[in-house]
Amino acid sequence: MNRQPNNTIPAKPITIIQLNCNKKDYIIHSLLNQHIYDTDILLLQEPSWGHIGADTQGTDIRGPIGHRSWISLLPYASYNLNNKQPWVMLYYQQQDGLEVALCSDLVRDRDIQAINVIYLGQPTTMIINIYNDPTCLDNNAICILQNLDLPTNRPVILSQKVTYLFCDELNIDSKSL
């Protein structure tokens, strides 16, 4: 998807916040409430995941925190894994000229979320939201990311929580990050 909106209004910069929420619901509530007017996209790692309702048989339905000003977008795999918690997700504000679309054709994993962002005539930008679980050494998000066919003709932003294990594997000084 590399469509461009036909809107000629000059674009304001998109504001994105990225945070590891450590599965704490109060952190997400604070983000959603405090950044209604100054943020467009929230990229989260380790989001809170809990009871959001029950079906007609009384079975517990689990999911992300909801907020009337934000739209939540889960990685594709979260819809198909019996309500297992995703390790990444995002919230975005619906507004004229902003389109956010999940790229489920590229990756289907609870640890990686690929989205395309199209905004007021700007180039389509892909954002990859990553949680690299250091305990999954054979099939972690970094291994999956290395095998993705990422676009080379437009911007790609990688957003992740960097772990010390990952830094050690790549010989990166984590203090400089």
Protein backbone atom coordinates (compact mmCIF):
# COMPACT_ATOMS: atom_id res chain seq x y z
CA MET A 1 0.00 0.00 0.00
CA ASN A 2 1.75 3.11 -1.22
CA ARG A 3 -1.23 5.39 -1.82
CA GLN A 4 -0.92 9.09 -1.26
CA PRO A 5 -3.90 11.19 -0.13
CA ASN A 6 -4.92 13.91 -2.59
CA ASN A 7 -5.13 16.47 0.18
CA THR A 8 -3.11 19.65 -0.46
CA ILE A 9 -3.27 21.02 3.09
CA PRO A 10 0.25 21.43 4.50
CA ALA A 11 0.95 18.69 7.01
CA LYS A 12 1.87 19.35 10.61
CA PRO A 13 4.44 16.92 11.95
CA ILE A 14 3.05 13.68 13.34
CA THR A 15 3.86 13.25 17.02
CA ILE A 16 4.70 9.70 18.15
CA ILE A 17 5.42 8.47 21.67
CA GLN A 18 7.10 5.10 22.20
CA LEU A 19 7.15 3.45 25.63
CA ASN A 20 7.57 0.07 27.28
CA CYS A 21 4.60 -0.04 29.68
CA ASN A 22 5.84 -3.04 31.66
CA LYS A 23 2.26 -4.46 31.56
CA LYS A 24 1.05 -1.65 33.88
CA ASP A 25 -2.48 -0.44 33.14
CA TYR A 26 -2.01 2.85 35.01
CA ILE A 27 0.81 3.79 32.62
CA ILE A 28 -1.43 3.29 29.60
CA HIS A 29 -4.33 5.17 31.24
CA SER A 30 -1.96 8.07 31.93
CA LEU A 31 -0.65 8.12 28.35
CA LEU A 32 -4.14 7.96 26.83
CA ASN A 33 -5.50 10.71 29.08
CA GLN A 34 -2.52 13.08 29.12
CA HIS A 35 -1.70 13.01 25.40
CA ILE A 36 -5.09 13.46 23.74
CA TYR A 37 -4.18 16.87 22.29
CA ASP A 38 -0.45 16.60 21.64
CA THR A 39 0.16 13.10 20.25
CA ASP A 40 -1.01 11.26 17.13
CA ILE A 41 0.40 7.74 17.65
CA LEU A 42 1.41 5.79 20.76
CA LEU A 43 3.74 2.83 20.12
CA LEU A 44 3.72 0.49 23.10
CA GLN A 45 5.77 -2.49 24.15
CA GLU A 46 4.56 -4.78 26.96
CA PRO A 47 1.06 -3.23 27.04
CA SER A 48 -1.45 -3.99 29.76
CA TRP A 49 -3.82 -6.83 28.83
CA GLY A 50 -6.81 -7.74 30.95
CA HIS A 51 -10.51 -8.43 31.33
CA ILE A 52 -12.63 -6.28 29.01
CA GLY A 53 -15.86 -8.29 29.07
CA ALA A 54 -17.48 -11.70 28.70
CA ASP A 55 -19.25 -13.48 25.87
CA THR A 56 -22.81 -14.84 26.11
CA GLN A 57 -21.53 -18.04 27.74
CA GLY A 58 -19.68 -16.07 30.41
CA THR A 59 -16.23 -16.76 28.97
CA ASP A 60 -13.70 -14.08 29.88
CA ILE A 61 -12.72 -11.78 27.02
CA ARG A 62 -9.30 -10.20 27.41
CA GLY A 63 -7.86 -7.27 25.52
CA PRO A 64 -6.28 -3.82 25.66
CA ILE A 65 -7.49 -0.77 27.52
CA GLY A 66 -10.05 1.21 25.56
CA HIS A 67 -10.41 4.98 25.35
CA ARG A 68 -12.96 6.98 23.38
CA SER A 69 -10.33 9.33 21.91
CA TRP A 70 -7.97 6.59 20.73
CA ILE A 71 -8.18 3.65 18.34
CA SER A 72 -6.22 0.59 19.42
CA LEU A 73 -4.45 -1.53 16.83
CA LEU A 74 -3.10 -4.95 17.77
CA PRO A 75 -0.59 -7.07 15.88
CA TYR A 76 -2.25 -9.60 13.60
CA ALA A 77 -1.33 -12.64 15.71
CA SER A 78 -3.19 -11.24 18.73
CA TYR A 79 -6.51 -11.77 16.96
CA ASN A 80 -5.81 -15.47 16.48
CA LEU A 81 -4.03 -16.76 19.59
CA ASN A 82 -6.90 -17.35 22.02
CA ASN A 83 -6.56 -13.93 23.63
CA LYS A 84 -2.83 -14.30 24.30
CA GLN A 85 -1.24 -11.01 25.21
CA PRO A 86 0.63 -9.20 22.46
CA TRP A 87 3.98 -7.69 23.36
CA VAL A 88 3.45 -4.70 21.07
CA MET A 89 0.46 -2.57 20.08
CA LEU A 90 -0.38 0.98 19.19
CA TYR A 91 -3.03 3.58 19.68
CA TYR A 92 -3.74 6.36 17.20
CA GLN A 93 -6.07 9.31 16.96
CA GLN A 94 -8.52 9.31 14.07
CA GLN A 95 -8.17 12.56 12.15
CA ASP A 96 -8.60 13.90 8.64
CA GLY A 97 -5.70 13.01 6.40
CA LEU A 98 -4.19 10.34 8.70
CA GLU A 99 -4.43 6.68 7.72
CA VAL A 100 -2.89 3.91 9.81
CA ALA A 101 -2.97 0.39 8.38
CA LEU A 102 -1.67 -2.89 9.79
CA CYS A 103 0.66 -4.74 7.40
CA SER A 104 -0.44 -8.28 8.20
CA ASP A 105 0.87 -9.42 4.82
CA LEU A 106 4.41 -8.62 6.00
CA VAL A 107 4.50 -10.02 9.54
CA ARG A 108 2.14 -11.99 11.79
CA ASP A 109 3.69 -12.11 15.23
CA ARG A 110 2.86 -10.94 18.78
CA ASP A 111 6.33 -9.36 19.11
CA ILE A 112 6.36 -7.31 15.89
CA GLN A 113 3.82 -4.91 14.47
CA ALA A 114 4.28 -3.38 11.03
CA ILE A 115 2.06 -0.47 10.05
CA ASN A 116 1.87 1.96 7.17
CA VAL A 117 1.21 5.59 8.03
CA ILE A 118 -0.15 7.84 5.30
CA TYR A 119 -0.51 11.49 6.19
CA LEU A 120 -1.65 14.50 4.13
CA GLY A 121 0.32 13.90 0.95
CA GLN A 122 3.51 12.83 2.72
CA PRO A 123 5.29 9.67 1.61
CA THR A 124 3.86 6.48 3.08
CA THR A 125 6.03 5.60 6.08
CA MET A 126 6.32 2.13 7.54
CA ILE A 127 6.72 1.85 11.30
CA ILE A 128 7.92 -1.43 12.80
CA ASN A 129 7.07 -1.70 16.50
CA ILE A 130 9.23 -4.40 18.11
CA TYR A 131 9.48 -6.15 21.46
CA ASN A 132 12.59 -8.30 21.45
CA ASP A 133 12.09 -10.98 24.09
CA PRO A 134 15.61 -12.00 25.16
CA THR A 135 14.34 -15.39 26.36
CA CYS A 136 13.35 -16.42 22.80
CA LEU A 137 16.84 -16.90 21.43
CA ASP A 138 15.96 -19.01 18.38
CA ASN A 139 12.95 -17.11 17.07
CA ASN A 140 13.08 -13.66 18.63
CA ALA A 141 11.82 -10.50 16.98
CA ILE A 142 15.27 -9.49 15.75
CA CYS A 143 15.66 -12.82 13.91
CA ILE A 144 12.22 -12.36 12.35
CA LEU A 145 13.00 -8.75 11.45
CA GLN A 146 16.18 -9.78 9.61
CA ASN A 147 14.08 -11.93 7.27
CA LEU A 148 11.38 -9.36 6.49
CA ASP A 149 11.16 -7.85 3.03
CA LEU A 150 11.10 -4.21 4.13
CA PRO A 151 10.53 -1.48 1.57
CA THR A 152 13.62 0.32 0.28
CA ASN A 153 11.84 3.11 -1.62
CA ARG A 154 10.25 4.90 1.35
CA PRO A 155 10.92 5.69 5.00
CA VAL A 156 10.96 2.83 7.53
CA ILE A 157 11.09 3.56 11.27
CA LEU A 158 12.09 0.88 13.76
CA SER A 159 10.83 1.34 17.31
CA GLN A 160 11.86 -1.10 20.00
CA LYS A 161 12.90 -1.71 23.53
CA VAL A 162 16.61 -2.49 23.34
CA THR A 163 17.70 -5.26 25.70
CA TYR A 164 21.20 -5.74 26.99
CA LEU A 165 21.29 -9.24 25.50
CA PHE A 166 20.54 -7.81 22.05
CA CYS A 167 23.22 -5.13 22.50
CA ASP A 168 25.76 -7.74 23.52
CA GLU A 169 24.96 -9.87 20.46
CA LEU A 170 25.65 -6.92 18.17
CA ASN A 171 28.59 -5.52 20.14
CA ILE A 172 26.75 -2.28 20.81
CA ASP A 173 27.55 -0.17 23.85
CA SER A 174 24.09 0.00 25.45
CA LYS A 175 25.10 3.07 27.46
CA SER A 176 25.23 5.05 24.21
CA LEU A 177 21.63 4.20 23.29
